[in-house]
C-alpha cells in the first residue's frame, strides 16, 4: 500500500542550477560590513549616515536572501512578492527620520 512519492521537475523553473560561490558572497558581505563601519566613522551628517547605512543593510539583506536562501533560483513571480513591500519600507524610514529630527 505504500507508494514512493517522487517529485518530477515541473518545467524550466525546476531545472538544476549551478551552486553559488558562497565564499565570494561571504567576502562581499564582509566588505560591506567594513564599508558600514567606515561610514559610521567618516563624520558624515546624521541623515546621510543613516541613509547610507540603510542602503548598505538592504544590499546585504539582498545578498543573503538571493544566495544563502536560494531565492535567486526561484521563479520570477516570487521576486514581485519580495519587492512589493520595499516602497512601504522606504516610506517608514523617511517617516521615522522625519519624526526624530532635532
N, C-alpha and C. Protein backbone atom coordinates (compact mmCIF):
# COMPACT_ATOMS: atom_id res chain seq x y z
N UNK A 1 0.80 -1.19 0.00
CA UNK A 1 0.00 0.00 0.00
C UNK A 1 0.85 1.27 0.00
N UNK A 2 2.07 1.15 0.40
CA UNK A 2 2.91 2.34 0.42
C UNK A 2 3.39 2.64 -0.98
N UNK A 3 3.34 3.93 -1.32
CA UNK A 3 3.82 4.36 -2.62
C UNK A 3 5.00 5.29 -2.43
N UNK A 4 5.95 5.12 -3.27
CA UNK A 4 7.09 6.04 -3.25
C UNK A 4 6.70 7.28 -4.02
N UNK A 5 6.70 8.41 -3.33
CA UNK A 5 6.31 9.65 -3.98
C UNK A 5 7.57 10.37 -4.44
N UNK A 6 7.68 10.55 -5.72
CA UNK A 6 8.81 11.29 -6.25
C UNK A 6 8.27 12.52 -6.96
N UNK A 7 8.93 13.60 -6.75
CA UNK A 7 8.51 14.85 -7.38
C UNK A 7 9.26 15.00 -8.70
N UNK A 8 8.50 15.10 -9.75
CA UNK A 8 9.10 15.31 -11.07
C UNK A 8 9.31 16.80 -11.29
N UNK A 9 10.35 17.16 -12.01
CA UNK A 9 10.56 18.58 -12.30
C UNK A 9 9.34 19.16 -13.01
N UNK A 10 8.94 20.35 -12.60
CA UNK A 10 7.74 20.99 -13.14
C UNK A 10 8.11 22.11 -14.10
N UNK A 11 8.83 21.80 -15.14
CA UNK A 11 9.13 22.81 -16.15
C UNK A 11 10.50 23.41 -15.96
N UNK A 12 10.73 24.52 -16.68
CA UNK A 12 12.07 25.13 -16.64
C UNK A 12 12.43 25.74 -15.29
N UNK A 13 11.43 26.04 -14.48
CA UNK A 13 11.69 26.63 -13.16
C UNK A 13 12.40 25.65 -12.25
N UNK A 14 12.19 24.37 -12.45
CA UNK A 14 12.76 23.35 -11.57
C UNK A 14 14.10 22.83 -12.10
N UNK A 15 14.63 23.44 -13.13
CA UNK A 15 15.90 23.00 -13.71
C UNK A 15 17.02 23.16 -12.69
N UNK A 16 18.02 22.33 -12.84
CA UNK A 16 19.18 22.40 -11.95
C UNK A 16 19.93 23.70 -12.18
N UNK A 17 20.53 24.21 -11.14
CA UNK A 17 21.31 25.44 -11.25
C UNK A 17 22.71 25.20 -10.67
N UNK A 18 23.61 26.02 -11.13
CA UNK A 18 24.98 25.93 -10.64
C UNK A 18 25.04 26.46 -9.21
N UNK A 19 25.75 25.79 -8.35
CA UNK A 19 25.86 26.20 -6.96
C UNK A 19 26.61 27.54 -6.88
N UNK A 20 26.09 28.48 -6.10
CA UNK A 20 26.77 29.77 -5.98
C UNK A 20 28.09 29.64 -5.22
N UNK A 21 28.95 30.59 -5.44
CA UNK A 21 30.23 30.64 -4.73
C UNK A 21 29.99 31.31 -3.37
N UNK A 22 29.75 30.50 -2.36
CA UNK A 22 29.40 31.02 -1.05
C UNK A 22 30.54 31.81 -0.41
N UNK A 23 31.76 31.44 -0.69
CA UNK A 23 32.90 32.16 -0.12
C UNK A 23 32.95 33.58 -0.68
N UNK A 24 32.68 33.73 -1.98
CA UNK A 24 32.67 35.06 -2.59
C UNK A 24 31.54 35.91 -2.02
N UNK A 25 30.38 35.30 -1.80
CA UNK A 25 29.26 36.04 -1.21
C UNK A 25 29.60 36.45 0.22
N UNK A 26 30.22 35.54 0.97
CA UNK A 26 30.63 35.87 2.34
C UNK A 26 31.65 37.00 2.32
N UNK A 27 32.59 36.97 1.39
CA UNK A 27 33.59 38.04 1.29
C UNK A 27 32.93 39.37 0.96
N UNK A 28 31.95 39.35 0.07
CA UNK A 28 31.22 40.58 -0.25
C UNK A 28 30.49 41.12 0.97
N UNK A 29 29.90 40.24 1.76
CA UNK A 29 29.23 40.67 2.99
C UNK A 29 30.23 41.25 3.99
N UNK A 30 31.40 40.66 4.07
CA UNK A 30 32.43 41.19 4.97
C UNK A 30 32.89 42.57 4.51
N UNK A 31 33.07 42.74 3.21
CA UNK A 31 33.48 44.05 2.69
C UNK A 31 32.40 45.09 2.95
N UNK A 32 31.15 44.73 2.74
CA UNK A 32 30.06 45.67 3.01
C UNK A 32 29.99 46.04 4.49
N UNK A 33 30.30 45.10 5.36
CA UNK A 33 30.34 45.40 6.79
C UNK A 33 31.45 46.39 7.11
N UNK A 34 32.60 46.21 6.47
CA UNK A 34 33.70 47.17 6.67
C UNK A 34 33.33 48.56 6.14
N UNK A 35 32.61 48.59 5.03
CA UNK A 35 32.15 49.87 4.49
C UNK A 35 31.18 50.53 5.46
N UNK A 36 30.31 49.73 6.08
CA UNK A 36 29.39 50.28 7.09
C UNK A 36 30.16 50.90 8.25
N UNK A 37 31.18 50.21 8.71
CA UNK A 37 31.99 50.76 9.81
C UNK A 37 32.68 52.05 9.37
N UNK A 38 33.17 52.09 8.15
CA UNK A 38 33.82 53.30 7.65
C UNK A 38 32.83 54.45 7.58
N UNK A 39 31.60 54.17 7.15
CA UNK A 39 30.57 55.22 7.06
C UNK A 39 30.30 55.82 8.44
N UNK A 40 30.27 54.98 9.46
CA UNK A 40 29.99 55.46 10.82
C UNK A 40 31.08 56.41 11.29
N UNK A 41 32.34 56.09 10.98
CA UNK A 41 33.46 56.89 11.49
C UNK A 41 33.91 58.01 10.54
N UNK A 42 33.18 58.23 9.44
CA UNK A 42 33.57 59.26 8.49
C UNK A 42 33.16 60.67 8.93
N UNK A 43 32.30 60.77 9.89
CA UNK A 43 31.85 62.08 10.35
C UNK A 43 30.83 62.72 9.42
N UNK A 44 30.05 61.91 8.74
CA UNK A 44 29.01 62.42 7.84
C UNK A 44 27.86 63.00 8.64
N UNK A 45 27.07 63.89 8.04
CA UNK A 45 25.85 64.35 8.71
C UNK A 45 24.96 63.15 9.05
N UNK A 46 24.21 63.28 10.12
CA UNK A 46 23.43 62.15 10.64
C UNK A 46 22.49 61.55 9.60
N UNK A 47 21.76 62.39 8.88
CA UNK A 47 20.78 61.85 7.94
C UNK A 47 21.46 61.15 6.75
N UNK A 48 22.62 61.65 6.33
CA UNK A 48 23.36 61.00 5.25
C UNK A 48 23.90 59.65 5.74
N UNK A 49 24.41 59.63 6.97
CA UNK A 49 24.93 58.38 7.52
C UNK A 49 23.82 57.34 7.64
N UNK A 50 22.65 57.75 8.10
CA UNK A 50 21.54 56.80 8.27
C UNK A 50 21.10 56.26 6.91
N UNK A 51 20.97 57.13 5.93
CA UNK A 51 20.57 56.67 4.60
C UNK A 51 21.62 55.71 4.01
N UNK A 52 22.90 56.01 4.20
CA UNK A 52 23.95 55.14 3.69
C UNK A 52 23.91 53.78 4.39
N UNK A 53 23.72 53.78 5.71
CA UNK A 53 23.67 52.52 6.44
C UNK A 53 22.45 51.69 6.07
N UNK A 54 21.31 52.35 5.86
CA UNK A 54 20.10 51.62 5.44
C UNK A 54 20.32 51.01 4.06
N UNK A 55 20.90 51.78 3.15
CA UNK A 55 21.19 51.27 1.81
C UNK A 55 22.11 50.05 1.88
N UNK A 56 23.18 50.15 2.67
CA UNK A 56 24.12 49.03 2.79
C UNK A 56 23.46 47.81 3.44
N UNK A 57 22.61 48.06 4.44
CA UNK A 57 21.91 46.94 5.09
C UNK A 57 20.96 46.25 4.12
N UNK A 58 20.27 47.01 3.29
CA UNK A 58 19.38 46.40 2.29
C UNK A 58 20.17 45.60 1.27
N UNK A 59 21.32 46.13 0.90
CA UNK A 59 22.18 45.42 -0.05
C UNK A 59 22.64 44.08 0.54
N UNK A 60 23.06 44.11 1.81
CA UNK A 60 23.48 42.88 2.46
C UNK A 60 22.32 41.90 2.61
N UNK A 61 21.16 42.40 2.96
CA UNK A 61 19.98 41.53 3.09
C UNK A 61 19.64 40.89 1.74
N UNK A 62 19.79 41.67 0.67
CA UNK A 62 19.53 41.13 -0.66
C UNK A 62 20.50 40.00 -1.00
N UNK A 63 21.78 40.19 -0.68
CA UNK A 63 22.76 39.13 -0.94
C UNK A 63 22.43 37.86 -0.17
N UNK A 64 22.07 38.01 1.10
CA UNK A 64 21.73 36.84 1.92
C UNK A 64 20.51 36.14 1.36
N UNK A 65 19.48 36.91 1.02
CA UNK A 65 18.25 36.31 0.50
C UNK A 65 18.48 35.63 -0.84
N UNK A 66 19.23 36.28 -1.72
CA UNK A 66 19.43 35.71 -3.05
C UNK A 66 20.28 34.46 -3.05
N UNK A 67 21.35 34.45 -2.27
CA UNK A 67 22.29 33.34 -2.37
C UNK A 67 22.15 32.30 -1.25
N UNK A 68 22.07 32.73 0.00
CA UNK A 68 22.00 31.75 1.09
C UNK A 68 20.60 31.16 1.25
N UNK A 69 19.58 31.91 0.83
CA UNK A 69 18.21 31.39 0.87
C UNK A 69 17.77 30.88 -0.50
N UNK A 70 18.68 30.91 -1.47
CA UNK A 70 18.46 30.38 -2.83
C UNK A 70 17.31 31.04 -3.56
N UNK A 71 16.96 32.27 -3.23
CA UNK A 71 15.87 32.94 -3.92
C UNK A 71 16.26 33.36 -5.34
N UNK A 72 17.53 33.41 -5.61
CA UNK A 72 17.99 33.77 -6.96
C UNK A 72 17.51 32.75 -7.99
N UNK A 73 17.29 31.54 -7.56
CA UNK A 73 16.94 30.46 -8.47
C UNK A 73 15.44 30.14 -8.44
N UNK A 74 14.66 30.98 -7.79
CA UNK A 74 13.21 30.79 -7.73
C UNK A 74 12.54 31.46 -8.93
N UNK A 75 11.27 31.17 -9.16
CA UNK A 75 10.55 31.81 -10.27
C UNK A 75 10.49 33.33 -10.10
N UNK A 76 10.37 34.03 -11.22
CA UNK A 76 10.37 35.49 -11.21
C UNK A 76 9.18 36.07 -10.44
N UNK A 77 8.07 35.37 -10.40
CA UNK A 77 6.89 35.91 -9.70
C UNK A 77 7.17 36.08 -8.20
N UNK A 78 8.08 35.27 -7.67
CA UNK A 78 8.45 35.42 -6.27
C UNK A 78 9.21 36.73 -6.04
N UNK A 79 9.92 37.18 -7.06
CA UNK A 79 10.62 38.46 -6.97
C UNK A 79 9.64 39.60 -6.71
N UNK A 80 8.49 39.54 -7.35
CA UNK A 80 7.49 40.59 -7.15
C UNK A 80 6.95 40.59 -5.72
N UNK A 81 6.82 39.42 -5.14
CA UNK A 81 6.35 39.32 -3.75
C UNK A 81 7.38 39.95 -2.80
N UNK A 82 8.66 39.75 -3.10
CA UNK A 82 9.72 40.29 -2.26
C UNK A 82 9.85 41.80 -2.45
N UNK A 83 9.71 42.29 -3.68
CA UNK A 83 9.91 43.71 -3.96
C UNK A 83 8.71 44.58 -3.60
N UNK A 84 7.53 44.00 -3.51
CA UNK A 84 6.32 44.78 -3.25
C UNK A 84 6.38 45.61 -1.96
N UNK A 85 6.88 45.10 -0.83
CA UNK A 85 6.88 45.90 0.39
C UNK A 85 8.00 46.94 0.48
N UNK A 86 8.94 46.97 -0.46
CA UNK A 86 10.05 47.91 -0.36
C UNK A 86 9.63 49.37 -0.38
N UNK A 87 8.67 49.78 -1.22
CA UNK A 87 8.23 51.19 -1.13
C UNK A 87 7.66 51.53 0.24
N UNK A 88 6.96 50.60 0.85
CA UNK A 88 6.42 50.85 2.20
C UNK A 88 7.55 50.98 3.21
N UNK A 89 8.58 50.18 3.07
CA UNK A 89 9.74 50.28 3.97
C UNK A 89 10.42 51.63 3.80
N UNK A 90 10.53 52.11 2.58
CA UNK A 90 11.13 53.42 2.33
C UNK A 90 10.30 54.52 2.98
N UNK A 91 9.00 54.44 2.85
CA UNK A 91 8.13 55.42 3.49
C UNK A 91 8.31 55.40 5.00
N UNK A 92 8.42 54.21 5.58
CA UNK A 92 8.61 54.07 7.03
C UNK A 92 9.93 54.70 7.47
N UNK A 93 11.00 54.45 6.72
CA UNK A 93 12.31 55.01 7.06
C UNK A 93 12.25 56.54 7.00
N UNK A 94 11.64 57.08 5.98
CA UNK A 94 11.54 58.53 5.84
C UNK A 94 10.70 59.11 6.98
N UNK A 95 9.60 58.45 7.32
CA UNK A 95 8.74 58.93 8.41
C UNK A 95 9.48 58.91 9.75
N UNK A 96 10.23 57.86 10.00
CA UNK A 96 10.97 57.76 11.26
C UNK A 96 12.06 58.82 11.32
N UNK A 97 12.76 59.01 10.20
CA UNK A 97 13.80 60.04 10.17
C UNK A 97 13.21 61.43 10.39
N UNK A 98 12.05 61.68 9.81
CA UNK A 98 11.39 62.97 9.97
C UNK A 98 10.89 63.16 11.41
N UNK A 99 10.44 62.07 12.01
CA UNK A 99 9.92 62.15 13.37
C UNK A 99 10.98 62.41 14.42
N UNK A 100 12.22 62.04 14.17
CA UNK A 100 13.29 62.22 15.14
C UNK A 100 14.22 63.38 14.81
N UNK A 101 13.76 64.28 13.95
CA UNK A 101 14.57 65.46 13.63
C UNK A 101 14.71 66.36 14.84
N UNK A 102 15.83 66.99 14.95
CA UNK A 102 16.05 67.91 16.07
C UNK A 102 15.83 69.33 15.62
